[in-house]
Every structure is written in structure tokens, then in C-alpha cells.
Amino acid sequence: MVPCTDCEPLWARLYERDTSRPFFCDRDGIKKYDLSEIGYERRNGYSCYNNAGIKLLKSYEQWKKENGR
């Protein structure tokens, strides 16, 4: 990961339920907290972080308008 000040926000794919802390898993299924601890294939081909939340937030805003919220 490289810091970026003018990029869209990113969300982790997986979070702990109780702490909201992002975590990652390699093919062994063992929870890791640092992206550098998982293998190259998962780190670069699995979308551990993505911007899919932006689409959800836009959909939610539209839903609020349509439902008077």
C-alpha cells in the first residue's frame, strides 16, 4: 500500500466484527493483521482493499431520497 492524498477512500474486504479492525487471510485461513504477511498472489490478486463502498454509499443516498429519510 502506498499513501495517496487525492485518491478515493478504500475499505478492507474483511473486518473483525467486535473491533472493526481489518484483517487478511492467505490460503491457510490464518488471520493476519498486516498485508505484508500474506503471500504475493493474495496480496496482489484478491482486492484486500477496494473502493466498493463508494457505490454502496451512493445507493444509500438514493434510497434515503426515495424513502423520505
PDB file of N, CA and C in Angstrom:
ATOM      1  N   MET A   1       0.847  -1.167   0.000  1.00  0.00           N
ATOM      2  CA  MET A   1       0.000   0.000   0.000  1.00  0.00           C
ATOM      3  C   MET A   1       0.896   1.235   0.000  1.00  0.00           C
ATOM      4  N   VAL A   2       0.466   2.224  -0.771  1.00  0.00           N
ATOM      5  CA  VAL A   2       1.194   3.479  -0.871  1.00  0.00           C
ATOM      6  C   VAL A   2       0.227   4.603  -0.512  1.00  0.00           C
ATOM      7  N   PRO A   3       0.582   5.483   0.409  1.00  0.00           N
ATOM      8  CA  PRO A   3      -0.315   6.585   0.768  1.00  0.00           C
ATOM      9  C   PRO A   3      -0.659   7.445  -0.451  1.00  0.00           C
ATOM     10  N   CYS A   4      -1.894   7.895  -0.500  1.00  0.00           N
ATOM     11  CA  CYS A   4      -2.362   8.734  -1.602  1.00  0.00           C
ATOM     12  C   CYS A   4      -3.328   9.766  -1.039  1.00  0.00           C
ATOM     13  N   THR A   5      -3.036  11.038  -1.225  1.00  0.00           N
ATOM     14  CA  THR A   5      -3.884  12.084  -0.660  1.00  0.00           C
ATOM     15  C   THR A   5      -5.027  12.495  -1.577  1.00  0.00           C
ATOM     16  N   ASP A   6      -4.947  12.199  -2.879  1.00  0.00           N
ATOM     17  CA  ASP A   6      -6.011  12.620  -3.794  1.00  0.00           C
ATOM     18  C   ASP A   6      -6.739  11.427  -4.419  1.00  0.00           C
ATOM     19  N   CYS A   7      -6.767  10.285  -3.725  1.00  0.00           N
ATOM     20  CA  CYS A   7      -7.445   9.080  -4.215  1.00  0.00           C
ATOM     21  C   CYS A   7      -8.771   8.876  -3.479  1.00  0.00           C
ATOM     22  N   GLU A   8      -9.630   8.054  -4.065  1.00  0.00           N
ATOM     23  CA  GLU A   8     -10.883   7.708  -3.403  1.00  0.00           C
ATOM     24  C   GLU A   8     -10.586   6.905  -2.142  1.00  0.00           C
ATOM     25  N   PRO A   9     -11.509   6.926  -1.172  1.00  0.00           N
ATOM     26  CA  PRO A   9     -11.307   6.126   0.041  1.00  0.00           C
ATOM     27  C   PRO A   9     -11.311   4.634  -0.286  1.00  0.00           C
ATOM     28  N   LEU A  10     -10.617   3.873   0.538  1.00  0.00           N
ATOM     29  CA  LEU A  10     -10.586   2.418   0.384  1.00  0.00           C
ATOM     30  C   LEU A  10     -11.126   1.769   1.646  1.00  0.00           C
ATOM     31  N   TRP A  11     -11.752   0.614   1.467  1.00  0.00           N
ATOM     32  CA  TRP A  11     -12.232  -0.192   2.577  1.00  0.00           C
ATOM     33  C   TRP A  11     -11.597  -1.569   2.467  1.00  0.00           C
ATOM     34  N   ALA A  12     -11.326  -2.164   3.601  1.00  0.00           N
ATOM     35  CA  ALA A  12     -10.801  -3.532   3.601  1.00  0.00           C
ATOM     36  C   ALA A  12     -11.931  -4.496   3.247  1.00  0.00           C
ATOM     37  N   ARG A  13     -11.580  -5.621   2.692  1.00  0.00           N
ATOM     38  CA  ARG A  13     -12.569  -6.653   2.355  1.00  0.00           C
ATOM     39  C   ARG A  13     -13.107  -7.320   3.616  1.00  0.00           C
ATOM     40  N   LEU A  14     -12.234  -7.537   4.611  1.00  0.00           N
ATOM     41  CA  LEU A  14     -12.621  -8.256   5.820  1.00  0.00           C
ATOM     42  C   LEU A  14     -12.321  -7.425   7.061  1.00  0.00           C
ATOM     43  N   TYR A  15     -13.265  -7.434   8.005  1.00  0.00           N
ATOM     44  CA  TYR A  15     -13.101  -6.729   9.275  1.00  0.00           C
ATOM     45  C   TYR A  15     -13.514  -7.647  10.415  1.00  0.00           C
ATOM     46  N   GLU A  16     -12.872  -7.483  11.564  1.00  0.00           N
ATOM     47  CA  GLU A  16     -13.326  -8.180  12.763  1.00  0.00           C
ATOM     48  C   GLU A  16     -14.643  -7.555  13.207  1.00  0.00           C
ATOM     49  N   ARG A  17     -15.556  -8.397  13.601  1.00  0.00           N
ATOM     50  CA  ARG A  17     -16.877  -7.911  13.989  1.00  0.00           C
ATOM     51  C   ARG A  17     -16.828  -7.047  15.245  1.00  0.00           C
ATOM     52  N   ASP A  18     -16.087  -7.463  16.245  1.00  0.00           N
ATOM     53  CA  ASP A  18     -16.094  -6.753  17.528  1.00  0.00           C
ATOM     54  C   ASP A  18     -15.256  -5.485  17.541  1.00  0.00           C
ATOM     55  N   THR A  19     -14.179  -5.446  16.737  1.00  0.00           N
ATOM     56  CA  THR A  19     -13.250  -4.315  16.805  1.00  0.00           C
ATOM     57  C   THR A  19     -13.237  -3.455  15.541  1.00  0.00           C
ATOM     58  N   SER A  20     -13.840  -3.934  14.470  1.00  0.00           N
ATOM     59  CA  SER A  20     -13.800  -3.267  13.159  1.00  0.00           C
ATOM     60  C   SER A  20     -12.381  -3.143  12.616  1.00  0.00           C
ATOM     61  N   ARG A  21     -11.493  -3.961  13.113  1.00  0.00           N
ATOM     62  CA  ARG A  21     -10.097  -3.961  12.656  1.00  0.00           C
ATOM     63  C   ARG A  21      -9.997  -4.800  11.377  1.00  0.00           C
ATOM     64  N   PRO A  22      -9.396  -4.244  10.321  1.00  0.00           N
ATOM     65  CA  PRO A  22      -9.242  -5.041   9.102  1.00  0.00           C
ATOM     66  C   PRO A  22      -8.264  -6.192   9.314  1.00  0.00           C
ATOM     67  N   PHE A  23      -8.530  -7.301   8.634  1.00  0.00           N
ATOM     68  CA  PHE A  23      -7.595  -8.412   8.670  1.00  0.00           C
ATOM     69  C   PHE A  23      -7.534  -9.065   7.297  1.00  0.00           C
ATOM     70  N   PHE A  24      -6.562  -9.936   7.124  1.00  0.00           N
ATOM     71  CA  PHE A  24      -6.304 -10.585   5.845  1.00  0.00           C
ATOM     72  C   PHE A  24      -6.070 -12.061   6.091  1.00  0.00           C
ATOM     73  N   CYS A  25      -6.345 -12.877   5.108  1.00  0.00           N
ATOM     74  CA  CYS A  25      -6.088 -14.312   5.203  1.00  0.00           C
ATOM     75  C   CYS A  25      -5.411 -14.783   3.932  1.00  0.00           C
ATOM     76  N   ASP A  26      -4.448 -15.649   4.122  1.00  0.00           N
ATOM     77  CA  ASP A  26      -3.812 -16.319   2.998  1.00  0.00           C
ATOM     78  C   ASP A  26      -4.589 -17.617   2.761  1.00  0.00           C
ATOM     79  N   ARG A  27      -4.128 -18.457   1.899  1.00  0.00           N
ATOM     80  CA  ARG A  27      -4.820 -19.717   1.621  1.00  0.00           C
ATOM     81  C   ARG A  27      -4.869 -20.644   2.827  1.00  0.00           C
ATOM     82  N   ASP A  28      -4.024 -20.391   3.825  1.00  0.00           N
ATOM     83  CA  ASP A  28      -4.043 -21.222   5.029  1.00  0.00           C
ATOM     84  C   ASP A  28      -5.194 -20.851   5.966  1.00  0.00           C
ATOM     85  N   GLY A  29      -5.870 -19.725   5.715  1.00  0.00           N
ATOM     86  CA  GLY A  29      -7.017 -19.315   6.514  1.00  0.00           C
ATOM     87  C   GLY A  29      -6.669 -18.686   7.849  1.00  0.00           C
ATOM     88  N   ILE A  30      -5.405 -18.479   8.122  1.00  0.00           N
ATOM     89  CA  ILE A  30      -4.983 -17.885   9.389  1.00  0.00           C
ATOM     90  C   ILE A  30      -5.075 -16.366   9.286  1.00  0.00           C
ATOM     91  N   LYS A  31      -5.728 -15.764  10.267  1.00  0.00           N
ATOM     92  CA  LYS A  31      -5.944 -14.324  10.288  1.00  0.00           C
ATOM     93  C   LYS A  31      -4.630 -13.593  10.490  1.00  0.00           C
ATOM     94  N   LYS A  32      -4.376 -12.592   9.648  1.00  0.00           N
ATOM     95  CA  LYS A  32      -3.174 -11.756   9.742  1.00  0.00           C
ATOM     96  C   LYS A  32      -3.629 -10.296   9.749  1.00  0.00           C
ATOM     97  N   TYR A  33      -2.866  -9.452  10.408  1.00  0.00           N
ATOM     98  CA  TYR A  33      -3.244  -8.049  10.523  1.00  0.00           C
ATOM     99  C   TYR A  33      -2.386  -7.119   9.680  1.00  0.00           C
ATOM    100  N   ASP A  34      -1.400  -7.645   9.024  1.00  0.00           N
ATOM    101  CA  ASP A  34      -0.536  -6.832   8.183  1.00  0.00           C
ATOM    102  C   ASP A  34      -0.539  -7.427   6.780  1.00  0.00           C
ATOM    103  N   LEU A  35      -0.848  -6.625   5.808  1.00  0.00           N
ATOM    104  CA  LEU A  35      -0.936  -7.084   4.427  1.00  0.00           C
ATOM    105  C   LEU A  35       0.360  -7.729   3.950  1.00  0.00           C
ATOM    106  N   SER A  36       1.478  -7.287   4.492  1.00  0.00           N
ATOM    107  CA  SER A  36       2.763  -7.843   4.071  1.00  0.00           C
ATOM    108  C   SER A  36       2.965  -9.277   4.557  1.00  0.00           C
ATOM    109  N   GLU A  37       2.116  -9.749   5.456  1.00  0.00           N
ATOM    110  CA  GLU A  37       2.248 -11.106   5.990  1.00  0.00           C
ATOM    111  C   GLU A  37       1.587 -12.168   5.111  1.00  0.00           C
ATOM    112  N   ILE A  38       0.857 -11.762   4.100  1.00  0.00           N
ATOM    113  CA  ILE A  38       0.222 -12.760   3.244  1.00  0.00           C
ATOM    114  C   ILE A  38       0.985 -12.876   1.927  1.00  0.00           C
ATOM    115  N   GLY A  39       0.775 -13.973   1.235  1.00  0.00           N
ATOM    116  CA  GLY A  39       1.524 -14.257   0.018  1.00  0.00           C
ATOM    117  C   GLY A  39       1.248 -13.286  -1.123  1.00  0.00           C
ATOM    118  N   TYR A  40       2.168 -13.254  -2.054  1.00  0.00           N
ATOM    119  CA  TYR A  40       2.094 -12.344  -3.201  1.00  0.00           C
ATOM    120  C   TYR A  40       0.776 -12.511  -3.963  1.00  0.00           C
ATOM    121  N   GLU A  41       0.386 -13.732  -4.215  1.00  0.00           N
ATOM    122  CA  GLU A  41      -0.831 -13.986  -5.001  1.00  0.00           C
ATOM    123  C   GLU A  41      -2.050 -13.335  -4.360  1.00  0.00           C
ATOM    124  N   ARG A  42      -2.243 -13.545  -3.077  1.00  0.00           N
ATOM    125  CA  ARG A  42      -3.388 -12.951  -2.380  1.00  0.00           C
ATOM    126  C   ARG A  42      -3.232 -11.439  -2.249  1.00  0.00           C
ATOM    127  N   ARG A  43      -2.051 -11.008  -1.973  1.00  0.00           N
ATOM    128  CA  ARG A  43      -1.799  -9.578  -1.770  1.00  0.00           C
ATOM    129  C   ARG A  43      -2.096  -8.779  -3.031  1.00  0.00           C
ATOM    130  N   ASN A  44      -1.826  -9.356  -4.192  1.00  0.00           N
ATOM    131  CA  ASN A  44      -1.958  -8.612  -5.442  1.00  0.00           C
ATOM    132  C   ASN A  44      -3.130  -9.034  -6.322  1.00  0.00           C
ATOM    133  N   GLY A  45      -3.816 -10.107  -5.982  1.00  0.00           N
ATOM    134  CA  GLY A  45      -4.885 -10.551  -6.850  1.00  0.00           C
ATOM    135  C   GLY A  45      -6.232 -10.717  -6.180  1.00  0.00           C
ATOM    136  N   TYR A  46      -6.353 -10.326  -4.924  1.00  0.00           N
ATOM    137  CA  TYR A  46      -7.558 -10.628  -4.158  1.00  0.00           C
ATOM    138  C   TYR A  46      -8.377  -9.395  -3.797  1.00  0.00           C
ATOM    139  N   SER A  47      -7.894  -8.228  -4.074  1.00  0.00           N
ATOM    140  CA  SER A  47      -8.598  -6.990  -3.726  1.00  0.00           C
ATOM    141  C   SER A  47      -8.831  -6.884  -2.220  1.00  0.00           C
ATOM    142  N   CYS A  48      -7.755  -6.963  -1.458  1.00  0.00           N
ATOM    143  CA  CYS A  48      -7.860  -6.857   0.001  1.00  0.00           C
ATOM    144  C   CYS A  48      -8.426  -5.515   0.428  1.00  0.00           C
ATOM    145  N   TYR A  49      -8.118  -4.494  -0.330  1.00  0.00           N
ATOM    146  CA  TYR A  49      -8.707  -3.166  -0.160  1.00  0.00           C
ATOM    147  C   TYR A  49      -9.342  -2.776  -1.480  1.00  0.00           C
ATOM    148  N   ASN A  50     -10.496  -2.115  -1.413  1.00  0.00           N
ATOM    149  CA  ASN A  50     -11.129  -1.653  -2.648  1.00  0.00           C
ATOM    150  C   ASN A  50     -12.012  -0.450  -2.348  1.00  0.00           C
ATOM    151  N   ASN A  51     -12.578   0.130  -3.384  1.00  0.00           N
ATOM    152  CA  ASN A  51     -13.432   1.313  -3.216  1.00  0.00           C
ATOM    153  C   ASN A  51     -14.907   0.980  -3.437  1.00  0.00           C
ATOM    154  N   ALA A  52     -15.289  -0.278  -3.279  1.00  0.00           N
ATOM    155  CA  ALA A  52     -16.675  -0.701  -3.499  1.00  0.00           C
ATOM    156  C   ALA A  52     -17.651   0.010  -2.569  1.00  0.00           C
ATOM    157  N   GLY A  53     -17.185   0.490  -1.442  1.00  0.00           N
ATOM    158  CA  GLY A  53     -18.058   1.199  -0.508  1.00  0.00           C
ATOM    159  C   GLY A  53     -18.642   2.472  -1.089  1.00  0.00           C
ATOM    160  N   ILE A  54     -17.969   3.077  -2.046  1.00  0.00           N
ATOM    161  CA  ILE A  54     -18.472   4.307  -2.662  1.00  0.00           C
ATOM    162  C   ILE A  54     -19.806   4.043  -3.363  1.00  0.00           C
ATOM    163  N   LYS A  55     -19.888   2.943  -4.090  1.00  0.00           N
ATOM    164  CA  LYS A  55     -21.128   2.578  -4.784  1.00  0.00           C
ATOM    165  C   LYS A  55     -22.252   2.354  -3.770  1.00  0.00           C
ATOM    166  N   LEU A  56     -21.940   1.695  -2.669  1.00  0.00           N
ATOM    167  CA  LEU A  56     -22.938   1.463  -1.627  1.00  0.00           C
ATOM    168  C   LEU A  56     -23.421   2.785  -1.026  1.00  0.00           C
ATOM    169  N   LEU A  57     -22.515   3.696  -0.741  1.00  0.00           N
ATOM    170  CA  LEU A  57     -22.907   4.981  -0.164  1.00  0.00           C
ATOM    171  C   LEU A  57     -23.796   5.770  -1.118  1.00  0.00           C
ATOM    172  N   LYS A  58     -23.492   5.733  -2.413  1.00  0.00           N
ATOM    173  CA  LYS A  58     -24.332   6.419  -3.393  1.00  0.00           C
ATOM    174  C   LYS A  58     -25.710   5.778  -3.459  1.00  0.00           C
ATOM    175  N   SER A  59     -25.766   4.464  -3.426  1.00  0.00           N
ATOM    176  CA  SER A  59     -27.048   3.757  -3.439  1.00  0.00           C
ATOM    177  C   SER A  59     -27.857   4.100  -2.196  1.00  0.00           C
ATOM    178  N   TYR A  60     -27.187   4.196  -1.061  1.00  0.00           N
ATOM    179  CA  TYR A  60     -27.860   4.526   0.183  1.00  0.00           C
ATOM    180  C   TYR A  60     -28.439   5.940   0.127  1.00  0.00           C
ATOM    181  N   GLU A  61     -27.688   6.881  -0.407  1.00  0.00           N
ATOM    182  CA  GLU A  61     -28.195   8.253  -0.541  1.00  0.00           C
ATOM    183  C   GLU A  61     -29.446   8.275  -1.419  1.00  0.00           C
ATOM    184  N   GLN A  62     -29.424   7.530  -2.508  1.00  0.00           N
ATOM    185  CA  GLN A  62     -30.591   7.441  -3.388  1.00  0.00           C
ATOM    186  C   GLN A  62     -31.762   6.798  -2.652  1.00  0.00           C
ATOM    187  N   TRP A  63     -31.518   5.750  -1.899  1.00  0.00           N
ATOM    188  CA  TRP A  63     -32.555   5.081  -1.131  1.00  0.00           C
ATOM    189  C   TRP A  63     -33.192   6.031  -0.128  1.00  0.00           C
ATOM    190  N   LYS A  64     -32.357   6.854   0.568  1.00  0.00           N
ATOM    191  CA  LYS A  64     -32.880   7.815   1.529  1.00  0.00           C
ATOM    192  C   LYS A  64     -33.812   8.802   0.866  1.00  0.00           C
ATOM    193  N   LYS A  65     -33.447   9.303  -0.311  1.00  0.00           N
ATOM    194  CA  LYS A  65     -34.296  10.245  -1.040  1.00  0.00           C
ATOM    195  C   LYS A  65     -35.624   9.601  -1.412  1.00  0.00           C
ATOM    196  N   GLU A  66     -35.550   8.389  -1.924  1.00  0.00           N
ATOM    197  CA  GLU A  66     -36.754   7.680  -2.373  1.00  0.00           C
ATOM    198  C   GLU A  66     -37.665   7.293  -1.235  1.00  0.00           C
ATOM    199  N   ASN A  67     -37.134   7.156  -0.035  1.00  0.00           N
ATOM    200  CA  ASN A  67     -37.919   6.717   1.108  1.00  0.00           C
ATOM    201  C   ASN A  67     -38.130   7.804   2.163  1.00  0.00           C
ATOM    202  N   GLY A  68     -37.876   9.042   1.793  1.00  0.00           N
ATOM    203  CA  GLY A  68     -38.145  10.165   2.689  1.00  0.00           C
ATOM    204  C   GLY A  68     -37.373  10.129   3.985  1.00  0.00           C
ATOM    205  N   ARG A  69     -36.161   9.692   3.930  1.00  0.00           N
ATOM    206  CA  ARG A  69     -35.358   9.600   5.149  1.00  0.00           C
ATOM    207  C   ARG A  69     -34.337  10.704   5.227  1.00  0.00           C
TER     208      ARG A  69
END
